Amino acid sequence: MSCEHFERDLEAYVDRELDAGAAMACRDHLIDCAECCRRVAERGALGRLVRSAPFYPAPDRLRTRVSAQMRRSNSVRRVLSWAAAAVLVLAVAAGSRRGDQP
């Protein structure tokens, strides 16, 4: 495994999300690569730092704003989905009508 390939799998390796074969390839690479070992140690230290930070729940006002934005966003997605479906139906209908003409 190259350092480039390891870099691609670094997050999944540290989070133990790789399958057994990919994890083994990463471990084998780490035996010979001090630079990638350093990256794993840095990522582990960052994870510990984040987990040690205090947790503060979002204020109710912020939760309300985010929820409202999500509802608007979902409404827009729904409208765009229907519009895309309508365009597709019209395109298919127009194409089939052209095939009927001599």
PDB file of N, CA and C in Angstrom:
ATOM      1  N   MET A   1       0.855  -1.178   0.000  1.00  0.00           N
ATOM      2  CA  MET A   1       0.000   0.000   0.000  1.00  0.00           C
ATOM      3  C   MET A   1       0.896   1.234   0.000  1.00  0.00           C
ATOM      4  N   SER A   2       0.512   2.222  -0.794  1.00  0.00           N
ATOM      5  CA  SER A   2       1.267   3.466  -0.841  1.00  0.00           C
ATOM      6  C   SER A   2       0.715   4.438   0.207  1.00  0.00           C
ATOM      7  N   CYS A   3       1.505   5.469   0.480  1.00  0.00           N
ATOM      8  CA  CYS A   3       1.054   6.500   1.416  1.00  0.00           C
ATOM      9  C   CYS A   3      -0.204   7.184   0.886  1.00  0.00           C
ATOM     10  N   GLU A   4      -0.297   7.348  -0.424  1.00  0.00           N
ATOM     11  CA  GLU A   4      -1.472   7.971  -1.029  1.00  0.00           C
ATOM     12  C   GLU A   4      -2.730   7.139  -0.752  1.00  0.00           C
ATOM     13  N   HIS A   5      -2.615   5.823  -0.917  1.00  0.00           N
ATOM     14  CA  HIS A   5      -3.756   4.955  -0.623  1.00  0.00           C
ATOM     15  C   HIS A   5      -4.081   4.966   0.870  1.00  0.00           C
ATOM     16  N   PHE A   6      -3.054   4.981   1.691  1.00  0.00           N
ATOM     17  CA  PHE A   6      -3.295   5.012   3.126  1.00  0.00           C
ATOM     18  C   PHE A   6      -4.006   6.300   3.517  1.00  0.00           C
ATOM     19  N   GLU A   7      -3.582   7.410   2.945  1.00  0.00           N
ATOM     20  CA  GLU A   7      -4.195   8.707   3.242  1.00  0.00           C
ATOM     21  C   GLU A   7      -5.691   8.677   2.921  1.00  0.00           C
ATOM     22  N   ARG A   8      -6.037   8.022   1.826  1.00  0.00           N
ATOM     23  CA  ARG A   8      -7.436   7.903   1.433  1.00  0.00           C
ATOM     24  C   ARG A   8      -8.245   7.131   2.485  1.00  0.00           C
ATOM     25  N   ASP A   9      -7.634   6.125   3.108  1.00  0.00           N
ATOM     26  CA  ASP A   9      -8.325   5.267   4.079  1.00  0.00           C
ATOM     27  C   ASP A   9      -8.084   5.662   5.530  1.00  0.00           C
ATOM     28  N   LEU A  10      -7.323   6.728   5.759  1.00  0.00           N
ATOM     29  CA  LEU A  10      -6.911   7.090   7.120  1.00  0.00           C
ATOM     30  C   LEU A  10      -8.093   7.241   8.073  1.00  0.00           C
ATOM     31  N   GLU A  11      -9.077   8.046   7.704  1.00  0.00           N
ATOM     32  CA  GLU A  11     -10.213   8.287   8.601  1.00  0.00           C
ATOM     33  C   GLU A  11     -10.955   6.991   8.909  1.00  0.00           C
ATOM     34  N   ALA A  12     -11.219   6.210   7.882  1.00  0.00           N
ATOM     35  CA  ALA A  12     -11.929   4.942   8.090  1.00  0.00           C
ATOM     36  C   ALA A  12     -11.096   3.984   8.938  1.00  0.00           C
ATOM     37  N   TYR A  13      -9.780   4.004   8.757  1.00  0.00           N
ATOM     38  CA  TYR A  13      -8.911   3.133   9.558  1.00  0.00           C
ATOM     39  C   TYR A  13      -8.958   3.534  11.036  1.00  0.00           C
ATOM     40  N   VAL A  14      -8.806   4.806  11.309  1.00  0.00           N
ATOM     41  CA  VAL A  14      -8.806   5.287  12.693  1.00  0.00           C
ATOM     42  C   VAL A  14     -10.163   5.038  13.353  1.00  0.00           C
ATOM     43  N   ASP A  15     -11.234   5.184  12.578  1.00  0.00           N
ATOM     44  CA  ASP A  15     -12.581   4.987  13.112  1.00  0.00           C
ATOM     45  C   ASP A  15     -13.008   3.514  13.100  1.00  0.00           C
ATOM     46  N   ARG A  16     -12.098   2.635  12.675  1.00  0.00           N
ATOM     47  CA  ARG A  16     -12.340   1.181  12.612  1.00  0.00           C
ATOM     48  C   ARG A  16     -13.545   0.847  11.735  1.00  0.00           C
ATOM     49  N   GLU A  17     -13.587   1.482  10.576  1.00  0.00           N
ATOM     50  CA  GLU A  17     -14.688   1.275   9.640  1.00  0.00           C
ATOM     51  C   GLU A  17     -14.276   0.456   8.418  1.00  0.00           C
ATOM     52  N   LEU A  18     -13.012   0.023   8.354  1.00  0.00           N
ATOM     53  CA  LEU A  18     -12.539  -0.750   7.209  1.00  0.00           C
ATOM     54  C   LEU A  18     -12.831  -2.230   7.404  1.00  0.00           C
ATOM     55  N   ASP A  19     -12.976  -2.941   6.286  1.00  0.00           N
ATOM     56  CA  ASP A  19     -13.118  -4.391   6.396  1.00  0.00           C
ATOM     57  C   ASP A  19     -11.770  -4.977   6.823  1.00  0.00           C
ATOM     58  N   ALA A  20     -11.771  -6.237   7.192  1.00  0.00           N
ATOM     59  CA  ALA A  20     -10.571  -6.868   7.758  1.00  0.00           C
ATOM     60  C   ALA A  20      -9.376  -6.797   6.811  1.00  0.00           C
ATOM     61  N   GLY A  21      -9.593  -7.019   5.526  1.00  0.00           N
ATOM     62  CA  GLY A  21      -8.493  -7.000   4.564  1.00  0.00           C
ATOM     63  C   GLY A  21      -7.864  -5.626   4.419  1.00  0.00           C
ATOM     64  N   ALA A  22      -8.701  -4.603   4.315  1.00  0.00           N
ATOM     65  CA  ALA A  22      -8.195  -3.239   4.169  1.00  0.00           C
ATOM     66  C   ALA A  22      -7.493  -2.790   5.446  1.00  0.00           C
ATOM     67  N   ALA A  23      -8.042  -3.167   6.605  1.00  0.00           N
ATOM     68  CA  ALA A  23      -7.403  -2.804   7.879  1.00  0.00           C
ATOM     69  C   ALA A  23      -6.038  -3.469   7.990  1.00  0.00           C
ATOM     70  N   MET A  24      -5.929  -4.723   7.559  1.00  0.00           N
ATOM     71  CA  MET A  24      -4.656  -5.437   7.594  1.00  0.00           C
ATOM     72  C   MET A  24      -3.636  -4.759   6.678  1.00  0.00           C
ATOM     73  N   ALA A  25      -4.074  -4.336   5.491  1.00  0.00           N
ATOM     74  CA  ALA A  25      -3.171  -3.649   4.563  1.00  0.00           C
ATOM     75  C   ALA A  25      -2.669  -2.351   5.188  1.00  0.00           C
ATOM     76  N   CYS A  26      -3.545  -1.629   5.877  1.00  0.00           N
ATOM     77  CA  CYS A  26      -3.138  -0.393   6.545  1.00  0.00           C
ATOM     78  C   CYS A  26      -2.132  -0.695   7.651  1.00  0.00           C
ATOM     79  N   ARG A  27      -2.406  -1.701   8.466  1.00  0.00           N
ATOM     80  CA  ARG A  27      -1.465  -2.054   9.540  1.00  0.00           C
ATOM     81  C   ARG A  27      -0.111  -2.445   8.970  1.00  0.00           C
ATOM     82  N   ASP A  28      -0.121  -3.212   7.886  1.00  0.00           N
ATOM     83  CA  ASP A  28       1.146  -3.605   7.251  1.00  0.00           C
ATOM     84  C   ASP A  28       1.910  -2.375   6.769  1.00  0.00           C
ATOM     85  N   HIS A  29       1.195  -1.419   6.204  1.00  0.00           N
ATOM     86  CA  HIS A  29       1.838  -0.189   5.730  1.00  0.00           C
ATOM     87  C   HIS A  29       2.443   0.585   6.903  1.00  0.00           C
ATOM     88  N   LEU A  30       1.737   0.630   8.015  1.00  0.00           N
ATOM     89  CA  LEU A  30       2.203   1.400   9.173  1.00  0.00           C
ATOM     90  C   LEU A  30       3.471   0.826   9.778  1.00  0.00           C
ATOM     91  N   ILE A  31       3.720  -0.454   9.582  1.00  0.00           N
ATOM     92  CA  ILE A  31       4.939  -1.076  10.108  1.00  0.00           C
ATOM     93  C   ILE A  31       6.178  -0.398   9.532  1.00  0.00           C
ATOM     94  N   ASP A  32       6.100  -0.016   8.253  1.00  0.00           N
ATOM     95  CA  ASP A  32       7.270   0.532   7.562  1.00  0.00           C
ATOM     96  C   ASP A  32       7.227   2.034   7.307  1.00  0.00           C
ATOM     97  N   CYS A  33       6.134   2.709   7.682  1.00  0.00           N
ATOM     98  CA  CYS A  33       6.011   4.118   7.304  1.00  0.00           C
ATOM     99  C   CYS A  33       5.823   5.001   8.542  1.00  0.00           C
ATOM    100  N   ALA A  34       6.882   5.667   8.935  1.00  0.00           N
ATOM    101  CA  ALA A  34       6.832   6.537  10.114  1.00  0.00           C
ATOM    102  C   ALA A  34       5.927   7.744   9.880  1.00  0.00           C
ATOM    103  N   GLU A  35       5.901   8.258   8.663  1.00  0.00           N
ATOM    104  CA  GLU A  35       5.073   9.423   8.358  1.00  0.00           C
ATOM    105  C   GLU A  35       3.590   9.110   8.534  1.00  0.00           C
ATOM    106  N   CYS A  36       3.147   7.980   8.036  1.00  0.00           N
ATOM    107  CA  CYS A  36       1.739   7.599   8.185  1.00  0.00           C
ATOM    108  C   CYS A  36       1.421   7.255   9.642  1.00  0.00           C
ATOM    109  N   CYS A  37       2.378   6.692  10.366  1.00  0.00           N
ATOM    110  CA  CYS A  37       2.191   6.454  11.805  1.00  0.00           C
ATOM    111  C   CYS A  37       1.963   7.776  12.526  1.00  0.00           C
ATOM    112  N   ARG A  38       2.712   8.786  12.135  1.00  0.00           N
ATOM    113  CA  ARG A  38       2.547  10.112  12.726  1.00  0.00           C
ATOM    114  C   ARG A  38       1.150  10.648  12.446  1.00  0.00           C
ATOM    115  N   ARG A  39       0.665  10.457  11.205  1.00  0.00           N
ATOM    116  CA  ARG A  39      -0.684  10.920  10.856  1.00  0.00           C
ATOM    117  C   ARG A  39      -1.747  10.222  11.703  1.00  0.00           C
ATOM    118  N   VAL A  40      -1.579   8.922  11.922  1.00  0.00           N
ATOM    119  CA  VAL A  40      -2.535   8.173  12.749  1.00  0.00           C
ATOM    120  C   VAL A  40      -2.513   8.710  14.176  1.00  0.00           C
ATOM    121  N   ALA A  41      -1.321   8.977  14.698  1.00  0.00           N
ATOM    122  CA  ALA A  41      -1.205   9.500  16.063  1.00  0.00           C
ATOM    123  C   ALA A  41      -1.851  10.886  16.169  1.00  0.00           C
ATOM    124  N   GLU A  42      -1.640  11.733  15.165  1.00  0.00           N
ATOM    125  CA  GLU A  42      -2.247  13.067  15.169  1.00  0.00           C
ATOM    126  C   GLU A  42      -3.766  12.976  15.115  1.00  0.00           C
ATOM    127  N   ARG A  43      -4.268  12.093  14.265  1.00  0.00           N
ATOM    128  CA  ARG A  43      -5.724  11.930  14.134  1.00  0.00           C
ATOM    129  C   ARG A  43      -6.313  11.393  15.442  1.00  0.00           C
ATOM    130  N   GLY A  44      -5.604  10.476  16.080  1.00  0.00           N
ATOM    131  CA  GLY A  44      -6.059   9.953  17.365  1.00  0.00           C
ATOM    132  C   GLY A  44      -6.080  11.030  18.434  1.00  0.00           C
ATOM    133  N   ALA A  45      -5.045  11.877  18.451  1.00  0.00           N
ATOM    134  CA  ALA A  45      -4.982  12.971  19.421  1.00  0.00           C
ATOM    135  C   ALA A  45      -6.122  13.968  19.179  1.00  0.00           C
ATOM    136  N   LEU A  46      -6.413  14.248  17.922  1.00  0.00           N
ATOM    137  CA  LEU A  46      -7.511  15.151  17.597  1.00  0.00           C
ATOM    138  C   LEU A  46      -8.841  14.565  18.072  1.00  0.00           C
ATOM    139  N   GLY A  47      -9.038  13.283  17.846  1.00  0.00           N
ATOM    140  CA  GLY A  47     -10.262  12.631  18.294  1.00  0.00           C
ATOM    141  C   GLY A  47     -10.419  12.696  19.806  1.00  0.00           C
ATOM    142  N   ARG A  48      -9.337  12.466  20.539  1.00  0.00           N
ATOM    143  CA  ARG A  48      -9.393  12.549  22.006  1.00  0.00           C
ATOM    144  C   ARG A  48      -9.695  13.972  22.458  1.00  0.00           C
ATOM    145  N   LEU A  49      -9.099  14.951  21.783  1.00  0.00           N
ATOM    146  CA  LEU A  49      -9.348  16.347  22.125  1.00  0.00           C
ATOM    147  C   LEU A  49     -10.821  16.713  21.917  1.00  0.00           C
ATOM    148  N   VAL A  50     -11.376  16.302  20.804  1.00  0.00           N
ATOM    149  CA  VAL A  50     -12.778  16.603  20.517  1.00  0.00           C
ATOM    150  C   VAL A  50     -13.684  15.926  21.544  1.00  0.00           C
ATOM    151  N   ARG A  51     -13.392  14.667  21.870  1.00  0.00           N
ATOM    152  CA  ARG A  51     -14.224  13.959  22.852  1.00  0.00           C
ATOM    153  C   ARG A  51     -14.124  14.569  24.244  1.00  0.00           C
ATOM    154  N   SER A  52     -13.005  15.223  24.550  1.00  0.00           N
ATOM    155  CA  SER A  52     -12.841  15.807  25.884  1.00  0.00           C
ATOM    156  C   SER A  52     -13.463  17.202  26.006  1.00  0.00           C
ATOM    157  N   ALA A  53     -13.842  17.797  24.879  1.00  0.00           N
ATOM    158  CA  ALA A  53     -14.432  19.141  24.909  1.00  0.00           C
ATOM    159  C   ALA A  53     -15.810  19.075  25.564  1.00  0.00           C
ATOM    160  N   PRO A  54     -16.166  20.100  26.306  1.00  0.00           N
ATOM    161  CA  PRO A  54     -17.489  20.100  26.940  1.00  0.00           C
ATOM    162  C   PRO A  54     -18.595  20.180  25.898  1.00  0.00           C
ATOM    163  N   PHE A  55     -19.724  19.596  26.225  1.00  0.00           N
ATOM    164  CA  PHE A  55     -20.885  19.599  25.336  1.00  0.00           C
ATOM    165  C   PHE A  55     -21.864  20.665  25.805  1.00  0.00           C
ATOM    166  N   TYR A  56     -22.256  21.512  24.896  1.00  0.00           N
ATOM    167  CA  TYR A  56     -23.250  22.531  25.197  1.00  0.00           C
ATOM    168  C   TYR A  56     -24.413  22.344  24.227  1.00  0.00           C
ATOM    169  N   PRO A  57     -25.614  22.134  24.733  1.00  0.00           N
ATOM    170  CA  PRO A  57     -26.755  21.985  23.821  1.00  0.00           C
ATOM    171  C   PRO A  57     -27.050  23.311  23.119  1.00  0.00           C
ATOM    172  N   ALA A  58     -27.566  23.183  21.913  1.00  0.00           N
ATOM    173  CA  ALA A  58     -27.920  24.392  21.150  1.00  0.00           C
ATOM    174  C   ALA A  58     -29.074  25.115  21.832  1.00  0.00           C
ATOM    175  N   PRO A  59     -29.047  26.441  21.828  1.00  0.00           N
ATOM    176  CA  PRO A  59     -30.163  27.204  22.403  1.00  0.00           C
ATOM    177  C   PRO A  59     -31.458  26.920  21.626  1.00  0.00           C
ATOM    178  N   ASP A  60     -32.577  27.016  22.311  1.00  0.00           N
ATOM    179  CA  ASP A  60     -33.874  26.749  21.677  1.00  0.00           C
ATOM    180  C   ASP A  60     -34.100  27.622  20.453  1.00  0.00           C
ATOM    181  N   ARG A  61     -33.674  28.862  20.507  1.00  0.00           N
ATOM    182  CA  ARG A  61     -33.846  29.777  19.377  1.00  0.00           C
ATOM    183  C   ARG A  61     -33.113  29.264  18.133  1.00  0.00           C
ATOM    184  N   LEU A  62     -31.900  28.759  18.323  1.00  0.00           N
ATOM    185  CA  LEU A  62     -31.139  28.214  17.207  1.00  0.00           C
ATOM    186  C   LEU A  62     -31.808  26.945  16.679  1.00  0.00           C
ATOM    187  N   ARG A  63     -32.251  26.075  17.576  1.00  0.00           N
ATOM    188  CA  ARG A  63     -32.941  24.849  17.150  1.00  0.00           C
ATOM    189  C   ARG A  63     -34.166  25.186  16.295  1.00  0.00           C
ATOM    190  N   THR A  64     -34.910  26.199  16.711  1.00  0.00           N
ATOM    191  CA  THR A  64     -36.102  26.598  15.977  1.00  0.00           C
ATOM    192  C   THR A  64     -35.732  27.095  14.586  1.00  0.00           C
ATOM    193  N   ARG A  65     -34.698  27.913  14.497  1.00  0.00           N
ATOM    194  CA  ARG A  65     -34.266  28.432  13.190  1.00  0.00           C
ATOM    195  C   ARG A  65     -33.793  27.316  12.267  1.00  0.00           C
ATOM    196  N   VAL A  66     -33.016  26.392  12.802  1.00  0.00           N
ATOM    197  CA  VAL A  66     -32.506  25.281  11.985  1.00  0.00           C
ATOM    198  C   VAL A  66     -33.663  24.395  11.526  1.00  0.00           C
ATOM    199  N   SER A  67     -34.589  24.094  12.412  1.00  0.00           N
ATOM    200  CA  SER A  67     -35.752  23.275  12.046  1.00  0.00           C
ATOM    201  C   SER A  67     -36.569  23.941  10.948  1.00  0.00           C
ATOM    202  N   ALA A  68     -36.791  25.248  11.067  1.00  0.00           N
ATOM    203  CA  ALA A  68     -37.549  25.975  10.049  1.00  0.00           C
ATOM    204  C   ALA A  68     -36.821  25.936   8.715  1.00  0.00           C
ATOM    205  N   GLN A  69     -35.519  26.104   8.743  1.00  0.00           N
ATOM    206  CA  GLN A  69     -34.729  26.068   7.501  1.00  0.00           C
ATOM    207  C   GLN A  69     -34.794  24.680   6.867  1.00  0.00           C
ATOM    208  N   MET A  70     -34.745  23.644   7.677  1.00  0.00           N
ATOM    209  CA  MET A  70     -34.825  22.275   7.155  1.00  0.00           C
ATOM    210  C   MET A  70     -36.185  22.028   6.504  1.00  0.00           C
ATOM    211  N   ARG A  71     -37.254  22.520   7.120  1.00  0.00           N
ATOM    212  CA  ARG A  71     -38.587  22.355   6.526  1.00  0.00           C
ATOM    213  C   ARG A  71     -38.671  23.061   5.180  1.00  0.00           C
ATOM    214  N   ARG A  72     -38.142  24.279   5.106  1.00  0.00           N
ATOM    215  CA  ARG A  72     -38.143  25.015   3.827  1.00  0.00           C
ATOM    216  C   ARG A  72     -37.313  24.277   2.791  1.00  0.00           C
ATOM    217  N   SER A  73     -36.171  23.794   3.208  1.00  0.00           N
ATOM    218  CA  SER A  73     -35.275  23.082   2.299  1.00  0.00           C
ATOM    219  C   SER A  73     -35.943  21.819   1.765  1.00  0.00           C
ATOM    220  N   ASN A  74     -36.626  21.079   2.635  1.00  0.00           N
ATOM    221  CA  ASN A  74     -37.326  19.871   2.201  1.00  0.00           C
ATOM    222  C   ASN A  74     -38.463  20.205   1.250  1.00  0.00           C
ATOM    223  N   SER A  75     -39.155  21.322   1.483  1.00  0.00           N
ATOM    224  CA  SER A  75     -40.242  21.744   0.595  1.00  0.00           C
ATOM    225  C   SER A  75     -39.695  22.072  -0.786  1.00  0.00           C
ATOM    226  N   VAL A  76     -38.585  22.764  -0.836  1.00  0.00           N
ATOM    227  CA  VAL A  76     -37.963  23.115  -2.120  1.00  0.00           C
ATOM    228  C   VAL A  76     -37.543  21.849  -2.853  1.00  0.00           C
ATOM    229  N   ARG A  77     -36.933  20.908  -2.148  1.00  0.00           N
ATOM    230  CA  ARG A  77     -36.527  19.645  -2.775  1.00  0.00           C
ATOM    231  C   ARG A  77     -37.726  18.903  -3.337  1.00  0.00           C
ATOM    232  N   ARG A  78     -38.808  18.893  -2.595  1.00  0.00           N
ATOM    233  CA  ARG A  78     -40.017  18.200  -3.038  1.00  0.00           C
ATOM    234  C   ARG A  78     -40.554  18.849  -4.321  1.00  0.00           C
ATOM    235  N   VAL A  79     -40.610  20.173  -4.360  1.00  0.00           N
ATOM    236  CA  VAL A  79     -41.093  20.879  -5.552  1.00  0.00           C
ATOM    237  C   VAL A  79     -40.175  20.608  -6.736  1.00  0.00           C
ATOM    238  N   LEU A  80     -38.881  20.651  -6.504  1.00  0.00           N
ATOM    239  CA  LEU A  80     -37.934  20.389  -7.597  1.00  0.00           C
ATOM    240  C   LEU A  80     -38.056  18.957  -8.108  1.00  0.00           C
ATOM    241  N   SER A  81     -38.307  18.021  -7.224  1.00  0.00           N
ATOM    242  CA  SER A  81     -38.488  16.626  -7.644  1.00  0.00           C
ATOM    243  C   SER A  81     -39.711  16.484  -8.539  1.00  0.00           C
ATOM    244  N   TRP A  82     -40.818  17.122  -8.141  1.00  0.00           N
ATOM    245  CA  TRP A  82     -42.027  17.070  -8.957  1.00  0.00           C
ATOM    246  C   TRP A  82     -41.803  17.768 -10.299  1.00  0.00           C
ATOM    247  N   ALA A  83     -41.094  18.878 -10.278  1.00  0.00           N
ATOM    248  CA  ALA A  83     -40.816  19.600 -11.526  1.00  0.00           C
ATOM    249  C   ALA A  83     -39.959  18.743 -12.458  1.00  0.00           C
ATOM    250  N   ALA A  84     -38.964  18.075 -11.915  1.00  0.00           N
ATOM    251  CA  ALA A  84     -38.105  17.208 -12.731  1.00  0.00           C
ATOM    252  C   ALA A  84     -38.921  16.053 -13.318  1.00  0.00           C
ATOM    253  N   ALA A  85     -39.820  15.486 -12.523  1.00  0.00           N
ATOM    254  CA  ALA A  85     -40.668  14.406 -13.016  1.00  0.00           C
ATOM    255  C   ALA A  85     -41.575  14.903 -14.141  1.00  0.00           C
ATOM    256  N   ALA A  86     -42.118  16.107 -13.986  1.00  0.00           N
ATOM    257  CA  ALA A  86     -42.989  16.675 -15.016  1.00  0.00           C
ATOM    258  C   ALA A  86     -42.220  16.902 -16.317  1.00  0.00           C
ATOM    259  N   VAL A  87     -41.015  17.418 -16.214  1.00  0.00           N
ATOM    260  CA  VAL A  87     -40.183  17.647 -17.401  1.00  0.00           C
ATOM    261  C   VAL A  87     -39.889  16.322 -18.094  1.00  0.00           C
ATOM    262  N   LEU A  88     -39.593  15.298 -17.318  1.00  0.00           N
ATOM    263  CA  LEU A  88     -39.308  13.984 -17.890  1.00  0.00           C
ATOM    264  C   LEU A  88     -40.534  13.440 -18.620  1.00  0.00           C
ATOM    265  N   VAL A  89     -41.699  13.551 -18.009  1.00  0.00           N
ATOM    266  CA  VAL A  89     -42.927  13.068 -18.642  1.00  0.00           C
ATOM    267  C   VAL A  89     -43.184  13.829 -19.942  1.00  0.00           C
ATOM    268  N   LEU A  90     -43.016  15.141 -19.916  1.00  0.00           N
ATOM    269  CA  LEU A  90     -43.229  15.937 -21.129  1.00  0.00           C
ATOM    270  C   LEU A  90     -42.224  15.571 -22.222  1.00  0.00           C
ATOM    271  N   ALA A  91     -40.988  15.343 -21.841  1.00  0.00           N
ATOM    272  CA  ALA A  91     -39.964  14.982 -22.832  1.00  0.00           C
ATOM    273  C   ALA A  91     -40.270  13.630 -23.464  1.00  0.00           C
ATOM    274  N   VAL A  92     -40.686  12.678 -22.656  1.00  0.00           N
ATOM    275  CA  VAL A  92     -41.031  11.348 -23.181  1.00  0.00           C
ATOM    276  C   VAL A  92     -42.249  11.452 -24.081  1.00  0.00           C
ATOM    277  N   ALA A  93     -43.240  12.229 -23.645  1.00  0.00           N
ATOM    278  CA  ALA A  93     -44.452  12.392 -24.453  1.00  0.00           C
ATOM    279  C   ALA A  93     -44.119  13.057 -25.784  1.00  0.00           C
ATOM    280  N   ALA A  94     -43.303  14.084 -25.769  1.00  0.00           N
ATOM    281  CA  ALA A  94     -42.926  14.778 -27.006  1.00  0.00           C
ATOM    282  C   ALA A  94     -42.147  13.844 -27.922  1.00  0.00           C
ATOM    283  N   GLY A  95     -41.281  13.032 -27.346  1.00  0.00           N
ATOM    284  CA  GLY A  95     -40.509  12.092 -28.151  1.00  0.00           C
ATOM    285  C   GLY A  95     -41.382  11.026 -28.778  1.00  0.00           C
ATOM    286  N   SER A  96     -42.365  10.554 -28.042  1.00  0.00           N
ATOM    287  CA  SER A  96     -43.237   9.515 -28.592  1.00  0.00           C
ATOM    288  C   SER A  96     -44.158  10.077 -29.662  1.00  0.00           C
ATOM    289  N   ARG A  97     -44.553  11.349 -29.548  1.00  0.00           N
ATOM    290  CA  ARG A  97     -45.405  11.969 -30.571  1.00  0.00           C
ATOM    291  C   ARG A  97     -44.632  12.144 -31.875  1.00  0.00           C
ATOM    292  N   ARG A  98     -43.357  12.459 -31.777  1.00  0.00           N
ATOM    293  CA  ARG A  98     -42.537  12.614 -32.997  1.00  0.00           C
ATOM    294  C   ARG A  98     -42.391  11.283 -33.704  1.00  0.00           C
ATOM    295  N   GLY A  99     -42.321  10.196 -32.938  1.00  0.00           N
ATOM    296  CA  GLY A  99     -42.207   8.874 -33.545  1.00  0.00           C
ATOM    297  C   GLY A  99     -43.464   8.458 -34.276  1.00  0.00           C
ATOM    298  N   ASP A 100     -44.624   9.028 -33.918  1.00  0.00           N
ATOM    299  CA  ASP A 100     -45.888   8.700 -34.566  1.00  0.00           C
ATOM    300  C   ASP A 100     -46.030   9.388 -35.900  1.00  0.00           C
ATOM    301  N   GLN A 101     -45.341  10.484 -36.132  1.00  0.00           N
ATOM    302  CA  GLN A 101     -45.498  11.237 -37.377  1.00  0.00           C
ATOM    303  C   GLN A 101     -44.670  10.614 -38.479  1.00  0.00           C
ATOM    304  N   PRO A 102     -45.209  10.603 -39.728  1.00  0.00           N
ATOM    305  CA  PRO A 102     -44.464  10.033 -40.869  1.00  0.00           C
ATOM    306  C   PRO A 102     -43.306  10.850 -41.310  1.00  0.00           C
TER     307      PRO A 102
END
